[in-house]
Amino acid sequence: MSNSLPTDAQIRGSLRIDANIDAIATATEWLGGIAEAEEWPAPLQFGLELSVEEALANVISYAFAGLSEPAMIRLDFLHLDGGRLGVRIVDNGIPFDPTNVAAPDIPESVEDAKIGGHGVQLMRHFLESLTYAREGGENHLVLVTKPKTA
């Protein structure tokens, strides 16, 4: 088992997607199918899907610039102890640790608000944890939900 996985994680399914923005919908549909089959609470599904979409948008938009080898993105769906769920996103793009991204400044007014730069903060809001590891030339980002009953 990979070091990037929590010790209590069991991989329940995987999906490979292309490195293009349209592939985000494929990932969301895949995750939505799992959510329906497992009867996830709506808030949990919304938070995990939104977090995966944000993470994939960053990977697809920035990870493969100047990469000479074919882009690879894989999602692993995880079951964890305590009713928690997770998704590990693995890609062979340039190293990037989103857990080091600082929270954006809070604007003093709507006019001062900036578009963009809030994805990681959104993920932190909806997830129990967000962890990153660089292993064997790949980025491993693990998104873990709060328990299903929360």
N, C-alpha and C. Protein backbone atom coordinates (compact mmCIF):
# COMPACT_ATOMS: atom_id res chain seq x y z
N MET A 1 0.85 -1.19 0.00
CA MET A 1 0.00 0.00 0.00
C MET A 1 0.89 1.25 0.00
N SER A 2 0.47 2.24 -0.73
CA SER A 2 1.24 3.47 -0.87
C SER A 2 1.31 4.24 0.46
N ASN A 3 2.42 4.92 0.68
CA ASN A 3 2.57 5.75 1.88
C ASN A 3 1.60 6.92 1.90
N SER A 4 1.09 7.32 0.72
CA SER A 4 0.20 8.48 0.68
C SER A 4 -1.19 8.17 1.20
N LEU A 5 -1.52 6.89 1.34
CA LEU A 5 -2.85 6.52 1.83
C LEU A 5 -2.87 6.49 3.35
N PRO A 6 -3.99 6.92 3.94
CA PRO A 6 -4.13 6.72 5.38
C PRO A 6 -4.06 5.22 5.67
N THR A 7 -3.56 4.86 6.84
CA THR A 7 -3.35 3.44 7.16
C THR A 7 -4.65 2.64 7.17
N ASP A 8 -5.80 3.29 7.40
CA ASP A 8 -7.07 2.58 7.44
C ASP A 8 -7.82 2.61 6.11
N ALA A 9 -7.18 3.06 5.03
CA ALA A 9 -7.85 3.22 3.74
C ALA A 9 -7.92 1.92 2.96
N GLN A 10 -9.08 1.70 2.34
CA GLN A 10 -9.27 0.59 1.42
C GLN A 10 -9.69 1.19 0.09
N ILE A 11 -8.95 0.87 -0.98
CA ILE A 11 -9.31 1.36 -2.31
C ILE A 11 -10.50 0.54 -2.80
N ARG A 12 -11.60 1.23 -3.13
CA ARG A 12 -12.83 0.57 -3.57
C ARG A 12 -13.09 0.73 -5.06
N GLY A 13 -12.30 1.55 -5.73
CA GLY A 13 -12.47 1.74 -7.17
C GLY A 13 -11.48 2.77 -7.66
N SER A 14 -11.19 2.72 -8.95
CA SER A 14 -10.25 3.68 -9.55
C SER A 14 -10.77 4.12 -10.90
N LEU A 15 -10.35 5.30 -11.32
CA LEU A 15 -10.74 5.87 -12.60
C LEU A 15 -9.55 6.63 -13.15
N ARG A 16 -9.23 6.39 -14.41
CA ARG A 16 -8.21 7.19 -15.11
C ARG A 16 -8.94 8.17 -16.01
N ILE A 17 -8.45 9.42 -16.01
CA ILE A 17 -9.05 10.44 -16.86
C ILE A 17 -7.97 11.14 -17.66
N ASP A 18 -8.39 11.78 -18.75
CA ASP A 18 -7.49 12.58 -19.56
C ASP A 18 -7.23 13.90 -18.86
N ALA A 19 -6.15 14.55 -19.27
CA ALA A 19 -5.79 15.84 -18.68
C ALA A 19 -6.43 16.97 -19.47
N ASN A 20 -7.77 16.97 -19.51
CA ASN A 20 -8.49 18.09 -20.12
C ASN A 20 -9.70 18.42 -19.25
N ILE A 21 -10.13 19.65 -19.34
CA ILE A 21 -11.19 20.16 -18.46
C ILE A 21 -12.47 19.33 -18.59
N ASP A 22 -12.77 18.83 -19.78
CA ASP A 22 -13.99 18.02 -19.96
C ASP A 22 -13.96 16.75 -19.12
N ALA A 23 -12.78 16.26 -18.77
CA ALA A 23 -12.66 15.03 -17.98
C ALA A 23 -13.13 15.23 -16.55
N ILE A 24 -13.23 16.47 -16.10
CA ILE A 24 -13.74 16.71 -14.74
C ILE A 24 -15.17 16.21 -14.63
N ALA A 25 -15.97 16.41 -15.67
CA ALA A 25 -17.36 15.92 -15.66
C ALA A 25 -17.39 14.39 -15.57
N THR A 26 -16.46 13.72 -16.25
CA THR A 26 -16.38 12.26 -16.17
C THR A 26 -16.11 11.82 -14.74
N ALA A 27 -15.18 12.51 -14.07
CA ALA A 27 -14.85 12.18 -12.68
C ALA A 27 -16.04 12.43 -11.76
N THR A 28 -16.74 13.54 -11.98
CA THR A 28 -17.90 13.87 -11.15
C THR A 28 -19.02 12.84 -11.33
N GLU A 29 -19.25 12.41 -12.58
CA GLU A 29 -20.27 11.39 -12.84
C GLU A 29 -19.90 10.07 -12.16
N TRP A 30 -18.64 9.70 -12.23
CA TRP A 30 -18.15 8.47 -11.60
C TRP A 30 -18.39 8.53 -10.09
N LEU A 31 -18.00 9.64 -9.49
CA LEU A 31 -18.17 9.80 -8.05
C LEU A 31 -19.66 9.86 -7.69
N GLY A 32 -20.46 10.53 -8.51
CA GLY A 32 -21.90 10.60 -8.27
C GLY A 32 -22.56 9.23 -8.32
N GLY A 33 -22.09 8.37 -9.22
CA GLY A 33 -22.61 7.01 -9.29
C GLY A 33 -22.31 6.22 -8.02
N ILE A 34 -21.11 6.41 -7.49
CA ILE A 34 -20.74 5.75 -6.24
C ILE A 34 -21.61 6.29 -5.10
N ALA A 35 -21.77 7.61 -5.08
CA ALA A 35 -22.57 8.25 -4.03
C ALA A 35 -24.01 7.72 -4.03
N GLU A 36 -24.58 7.57 -5.22
CA GLU A 36 -25.95 7.07 -5.33
C GLU A 36 -26.03 5.61 -4.86
N ALA A 37 -25.09 4.79 -5.31
CA ALA A 37 -25.08 3.38 -4.93
C ALA A 37 -24.91 3.19 -3.42
N GLU A 38 -24.11 4.06 -2.80
CA GLU A 38 -23.83 3.93 -1.36
C GLU A 38 -24.73 4.82 -0.50
N GLU A 39 -25.61 5.58 -1.16
CA GLU A 39 -26.57 6.45 -0.46
C GLU A 39 -25.89 7.44 0.48
N TRP A 40 -24.95 8.19 -0.06
CA TRP A 40 -24.29 9.22 0.74
C TRP A 40 -25.27 10.33 1.07
N PRO A 41 -25.13 10.96 2.21
CA PRO A 41 -25.91 12.18 2.49
C PRO A 41 -25.54 13.27 1.47
N ALA A 42 -26.53 14.05 1.07
CA ALA A 42 -26.32 15.08 0.04
C ALA A 42 -25.19 16.05 0.38
N PRO A 43 -25.07 16.55 1.63
CA PRO A 43 -23.98 17.48 1.93
C PRO A 43 -22.60 16.84 1.75
N LEU A 44 -22.46 15.57 2.11
CA LEU A 44 -21.18 14.88 1.94
C LEU A 44 -20.84 14.76 0.46
N GLN A 45 -21.83 14.35 -0.35
CA GLN A 45 -21.60 14.22 -1.79
C GLN A 45 -21.22 15.56 -2.40
N PHE A 46 -21.95 16.60 -2.06
CA PHE A 46 -21.66 17.93 -2.61
C PHE A 46 -20.24 18.35 -2.26
N GLY A 47 -19.86 18.21 -1.00
CA GLY A 47 -18.54 18.65 -0.55
C GLY A 47 -17.41 17.88 -1.19
N LEU A 48 -17.55 16.56 -1.31
CA LEU A 48 -16.49 15.76 -1.91
C LEU A 48 -16.40 16.00 -3.42
N GLU A 49 -17.56 16.07 -4.09
CA GLU A 49 -17.53 16.33 -5.53
C GLU A 49 -16.92 17.70 -5.83
N LEU A 50 -17.31 18.72 -5.08
CA LEU A 50 -16.76 20.06 -5.29
C LEU A 50 -15.26 20.07 -5.04
N SER A 51 -14.82 19.38 -4.00
CA SER A 51 -13.39 19.33 -3.68
C SER A 51 -12.61 18.62 -4.77
N VAL A 52 -13.13 17.52 -5.28
CA VAL A 52 -12.46 16.79 -6.36
C VAL A 52 -12.42 17.67 -7.62
N GLU A 53 -13.51 18.35 -7.93
CA GLU A 53 -13.54 19.23 -9.11
C GLU A 53 -12.48 20.33 -8.99
N GLU A 54 -12.38 20.94 -7.82
CA GLU A 54 -11.39 22.00 -7.60
C GLU A 54 -9.97 21.46 -7.76
N ALA A 55 -9.70 20.31 -7.16
CA ALA A 55 -8.36 19.73 -7.24
C ALA A 55 -8.03 19.36 -8.69
N LEU A 56 -8.97 18.75 -9.39
CA LEU A 56 -8.71 18.36 -10.78
C LEU A 56 -8.52 19.58 -11.68
N ALA A 57 -9.29 20.63 -11.44
CA ALA A 57 -9.13 21.84 -12.25
C ALA A 57 -7.71 22.38 -12.11
N ASN A 58 -7.16 22.35 -10.90
CA ASN A 58 -5.79 22.81 -10.68
C ASN A 58 -4.78 21.90 -11.37
N VAL A 59 -4.96 20.59 -11.21
CA VAL A 59 -4.04 19.63 -11.83
C VAL A 59 -4.05 19.80 -13.35
N ILE A 60 -5.24 19.80 -13.93
CA ILE A 60 -5.37 19.87 -15.38
C ILE A 60 -4.84 21.20 -15.92
N SER A 61 -5.08 22.26 -15.20
CA SER A 61 -4.68 23.60 -15.68
C SER A 61 -3.19 23.88 -15.54
N TYR A 62 -2.53 23.30 -14.53
CA TYR A 62 -1.17 23.72 -14.22
C TYR A 62 -0.11 22.62 -14.16
N ALA A 63 -0.48 21.37 -13.97
CA ALA A 63 0.51 20.33 -13.67
C ALA A 63 1.32 19.85 -14.85
N PHE A 64 0.82 20.04 -16.05
CA PHE A 64 1.47 19.38 -17.19
C PHE A 64 2.16 20.34 -18.15
N ALA A 65 2.27 21.61 -17.81
CA ALA A 65 2.95 22.58 -18.68
C ALA A 65 4.40 22.17 -18.86
N GLY A 66 4.81 21.98 -20.10
CA GLY A 66 6.19 21.64 -20.40
C GLY A 66 6.56 20.19 -20.13
N LEU A 67 5.59 19.36 -19.79
CA LEU A 67 5.86 17.95 -19.50
C LEU A 67 6.11 17.21 -20.81
N SER A 68 7.19 16.43 -20.87
CA SER A 68 7.52 15.72 -22.11
C SER A 68 6.84 14.36 -22.21
N GLU A 69 6.47 13.77 -21.09
CA GLU A 69 5.82 12.46 -21.13
C GLU A 69 4.31 12.64 -21.13
N PRO A 70 3.56 11.60 -21.54
CA PRO A 70 2.09 11.72 -21.55
C PRO A 70 1.54 11.98 -20.15
N ALA A 71 0.55 12.85 -20.08
CA ALA A 71 -0.08 13.17 -18.80
C ALA A 71 -0.89 11.99 -18.30
N MET A 72 -0.85 11.77 -16.97
CA MET A 72 -1.59 10.69 -16.34
C MET A 72 -2.28 11.24 -15.10
N ILE A 73 -3.60 10.95 -15.00
CA ILE A 73 -4.36 11.30 -13.80
C ILE A 73 -5.20 10.09 -13.44
N ARG A 74 -5.13 9.69 -12.17
CA ARG A 74 -5.92 8.56 -11.68
C ARG A 74 -6.59 8.98 -10.37
N LEU A 75 -7.83 8.59 -10.22
CA LEU A 75 -8.55 8.82 -8.98
C LEU A 75 -8.81 7.46 -8.34
N ASP A 76 -8.54 7.36 -7.05
CA ASP A 76 -8.84 6.15 -6.27
C ASP A 76 -9.90 6.53 -5.24
N PHE A 77 -11.01 5.78 -5.23
CA PHE A 77 -12.05 5.99 -4.23
C PHE A 77 -11.72 5.16 -3.01
N LEU A 78 -11.81 5.78 -1.83
CA LEU A 78 -11.37 5.14 -0.58
C LEU A 78 -12.49 5.05 0.45
N HIS A 79 -12.53 3.94 1.16
CA HIS A 79 -13.33 3.80 2.37
C HIS A 79 -12.35 3.83 3.53
N LEU A 80 -12.69 4.57 4.57
CA LEU A 80 -11.84 4.68 5.76
C LEU A 80 -12.67 4.38 7.00
N ASP A 81 -11.98 4.14 8.09
CA ASP A 81 -12.66 3.86 9.36
C ASP A 81 -13.56 5.04 9.75
N GLY A 82 -14.56 4.74 10.56
CA GLY A 82 -15.42 5.79 11.10
C GLY A 82 -16.39 6.38 10.10
N GLY A 83 -16.69 5.68 9.01
CA GLY A 83 -17.64 6.20 8.04
C GLY A 83 -17.10 7.31 7.17
N ARG A 84 -15.80 7.48 7.17
CA ARG A 84 -15.20 8.52 6.34
C ARG A 84 -14.93 7.94 4.94
N LEU A 85 -14.92 8.83 3.96
CA LEU A 85 -14.65 8.47 2.57
C LEU A 85 -13.52 9.33 2.08
N GLY A 86 -12.91 8.92 0.98
CA GLY A 86 -11.83 9.74 0.44
C GLY A 86 -11.62 9.48 -1.03
N VAL A 87 -10.89 10.38 -1.63
CA VAL A 87 -10.44 10.24 -3.00
C VAL A 87 -8.97 10.63 -3.03
N ARG A 88 -8.17 9.73 -3.60
CA ARG A 88 -6.76 10.06 -3.84
C ARG A 88 -6.63 10.40 -5.31
N ILE A 89 -6.04 11.55 -5.58
CA ILE A 89 -5.77 11.97 -6.96
C ILE A 89 -4.28 11.83 -7.18
N VAL A 90 -3.92 11.02 -8.16
CA VAL A 90 -2.52 10.77 -8.50
C VAL A 90 -2.28 11.31 -9.90
N ASP A 91 -1.21 12.10 -10.04
CA ASP A 91 -0.85 12.60 -11.38
C ASP A 91 0.67 12.63 -11.51
N ASN A 92 1.13 12.63 -12.74
CA ASN A 92 2.56 12.66 -13.00
C ASN A 92 3.03 14.05 -13.44
N GLY A 93 2.32 15.06 -13.01
CA GLY A 93 2.69 16.44 -13.34
C GLY A 93 3.81 16.97 -12.47
N ILE A 94 4.06 18.26 -12.64
CA ILE A 94 5.11 18.91 -11.85
C ILE A 94 4.73 18.89 -10.37
N PRO A 95 5.71 18.83 -9.48
CA PRO A 95 5.38 18.80 -8.04
C PRO A 95 4.63 20.05 -7.62
N PHE A 96 3.54 19.84 -6.87
CA PHE A 96 2.78 20.96 -6.31
C PHE A 96 2.02 20.46 -5.09
N ASP A 97 2.24 21.10 -3.97
CA ASP A 97 1.59 20.74 -2.72
C ASP A 97 0.55 21.79 -2.36
N PRO A 98 -0.74 21.53 -2.66
CA PRO A 98 -1.77 22.52 -2.35
C PRO A 98 -1.99 22.73 -0.86
N THR A 99 -1.50 21.81 -0.03
CA THR A 99 -1.67 22.00 1.41
C THR A 99 -0.82 23.15 1.93
N ASN A 100 0.14 23.60 1.14
CA ASN A 100 0.98 24.75 1.53
C ASN A 100 0.41 26.09 1.07
N VAL A 101 -0.73 26.05 0.37
CA VAL A 101 -1.34 27.28 -0.11
C VAL A 101 -1.98 28.01 1.07
N ALA A 102 -1.61 29.26 1.24
CA ALA A 102 -2.15 30.06 2.34
C ALA A 102 -3.60 30.43 2.05
N ALA A 103 -4.37 30.61 3.11
CA ALA A 103 -5.75 31.07 2.95
C ALA A 103 -5.73 32.46 2.33
N PRO A 104 -6.67 32.74 1.42
CA PRO A 104 -6.69 34.07 0.80
C PRO A 104 -7.08 35.13 1.82
N ASP A 105 -6.61 36.36 1.58
CA ASP A 105 -6.99 37.48 2.45
C ASP A 105 -8.49 37.71 2.34
N ILE A 106 -9.10 38.07 3.46
CA ILE A 106 -10.52 38.39 3.45
C ILE A 106 -10.66 39.84 3.02
N PRO A 107 -11.41 40.08 1.93
CA PRO A 107 -11.54 41.45 1.44
C PRO A 107 -12.38 42.30 2.40
N GLU A 108 -12.10 43.59 2.37
CA GLU A 108 -12.85 44.51 3.22
C GLU A 108 -14.23 44.81 2.64
N SER A 109 -14.37 44.63 1.32
CA SER A 109 -15.65 44.89 0.67
C SER A 109 -15.78 43.97 -0.54
N VAL A 110 -16.97 43.91 -1.09
CA VAL A 110 -17.21 43.11 -2.29
C VAL A 110 -16.36 43.62 -3.44
N GLU A 111 -16.18 44.92 -3.52
CA GLU A 111 -15.38 45.51 -4.59
C GLU A 111 -13.92 45.08 -4.52
N ASP A 112 -13.44 44.78 -3.32
CA ASP A 112 -12.05 44.36 -3.13
C ASP A 112 -11.84 42.86 -3.32
N ALA A 113 -12.94 42.11 -3.44
CA ALA A 113 -12.84 40.66 -3.57
C ALA A 113 -12.21 40.29 -4.90
N LYS A 114 -11.37 39.25 -4.88
CA LYS A 114 -10.70 38.77 -6.08
C LYS A 114 -11.34 37.46 -6.53
N ILE A 115 -11.43 37.29 -7.83
CA ILE A 115 -11.93 36.04 -8.39
C ILE A 115 -10.76 35.06 -8.43
N GLY A 116 -11.03 33.83 -8.05
CA GLY A 116 -10.00 32.80 -8.09
C GLY A 116 -9.20 32.73 -6.80
N GLY A 117 -8.46 31.64 -6.66
CA GLY A 117 -7.60 31.47 -5.51
C GLY A 117 -8.30 30.98 -4.25
N HIS A 118 -9.55 30.52 -4.39
CA HIS A 118 -10.29 30.08 -3.21
C HIS A 118 -10.55 28.58 -3.18
N GLY A 119 -10.07 27.85 -4.19
CA GLY A 119 -10.35 26.42 -4.29
C GLY A 119 -9.84 25.60 -3.12
N VAL A 120 -8.60 25.84 -2.73
CA VAL A 120 -8.03 25.08 -1.61
C VAL A 120 -8.79 25.40 -0.32
N GLN A 121 -9.16 26.66 -0.14
CA GLN A 121 -9.92 27.04 1.05
C GLN A 121 -11.28 26.34 1.07
N LEU A 122 -11.93 26.23 -0.09
CA LEU A 122 -13.19 25.50 -0.18
C LEU A 122 -13.00 24.03 0.22
N MET A 123 -11.93 23.42 -0.30
CA MET A 123 -11.65 22.03 0.04
C MET A 123 -11.46 21.87 1.54
N ARG A 124 -10.72 22.78 2.15
CA ARG A 124 -10.48 22.71 3.60
C ARG A 124 -11.79 22.80 4.37
N HIS A 125 -12.74 23.58 3.85
CA HIS A 125 -14.03 23.74 4.51
C HIS A 125 -14.84 22.44 4.49
N PHE A 126 -14.85 21.75 3.36
CA PHE A 126 -15.69 20.57 3.19
C PHE A 126 -15.04 19.27 3.63
N LEU A 127 -13.74 19.25 3.81
CA LEU A 127 -13.04 18.00 4.09
C LEU A 127 -12.54 17.93 5.53
N GLU A 128 -12.38 16.70 6.00
CA GLU A 128 -11.74 16.50 7.30
C GLU A 128 -10.24 16.71 7.18
N SER A 129 -9.68 16.20 6.06
CA SER A 129 -8.25 16.40 5.85
C SER A 129 -7.92 16.43 4.37
N LEU A 130 -6.81 17.07 4.09
CA LEU A 130 -6.26 17.21 2.75
C LEU A 130 -4.76 17.00 2.92
N THR A 131 -4.23 15.90 2.35
CA THR A 131 -2.81 15.61 2.51
C THR A 131 -2.15 15.41 1.15
N TYR A 132 -0.86 15.68 1.12
CA TYR A 132 -0.10 15.61 -0.12
C TYR A 132 1.20 14.86 0.12
N ALA A 133 1.59 14.08 -0.89
CA ALA A 133 2.90 13.43 -0.89
C ALA A 133 3.39 13.38 -2.33
N ARG A 134 4.69 13.45 -2.49
CA ARG A 134 5.32 13.25 -3.80
C ARG A 134 6.02 11.90 -3.72
N GLU A 135 5.57 10.96 -4.54
CA GLU A 135 6.10 9.60 -4.51
C GLU A 135 6.40 9.13 -5.93
N GLY A 136 7.62 8.66 -6.16
CA GLY A 136 7.97 8.07 -7.44
C GLY A 136 7.66 8.95 -8.63
N GLY A 137 7.90 10.25 -8.53
CA GLY A 137 7.64 11.16 -9.64
C GLY A 137 6.17 11.49 -9.83
N GLU A 138 5.34 11.22 -8.82
CA GLU A 138 3.91 11.49 -8.92
C GLU A 138 3.44 12.32 -7.71
N ASN A 139 2.43 13.15 -7.98
CA ASN A 139 1.74 13.87 -6.92
C ASN A 139 0.61 12.97 -6.41
N HIS A 140 0.48 12.86 -5.09
CA HIS A 140 -0.59 12.09 -4.46
C HIS A 140 -1.32 13.04 -3.51
N LEU A 141 -2.52 13.42 -3.90
CA LEU A 141 -3.35 14.30 -3.08
C LEU A 141 -4.52 13.49 -2.55
N VAL A 142 -4.66 13.42 -1.22
CA VAL A 142 -5.71 12.62 -0.60
C VAL A 142 -6.71 13.55 0.07
N LEU A 143 -7.97 13.44 -0.36
CA LEU A 143 -9.07 14.22 0.17
C LEU A 143 -9.93 13.28 1.01
N VAL A 144 -10.12 13.57 2.29
CA VAL A 144 -10.89 12.73 3.19
C VAL A 144 -12.06 13.52 3.75
N THR A 145 -13.26 12.92 3.67
CA THR A 145 -14.46 13.56 4.18
C THR A 145 -14.57 13.40 5.69
N LYS A 146 -15.47 14.19 6.22
CA LYS A 146 -15.91 13.98 7.59
C LYS A 146 -16.77 12.71 7.58
N PRO A 147 -17.07 12.11 8.73
CA PRO A 147 -17.89 10.90 8.73
C PRO A 147 -19.24 11.10 8.04
N LYS A 148 -19.75 10.01 7.43
CA LYS A 148 -21.03 10.08 6.71
C LYS A 148 -22.18 10.57 7.57
N THR A 149 -22.11 10.35 8.87
CA THR A 149 -23.20 10.74 9.74
C THR A 149 -23.14 12.21 10.15
N ALA A 150 -22.02 12.87 9.84
CA ALA A 150 -21.85 14.27 10.28
C ALA A 150 -22.63 15.21 9.39
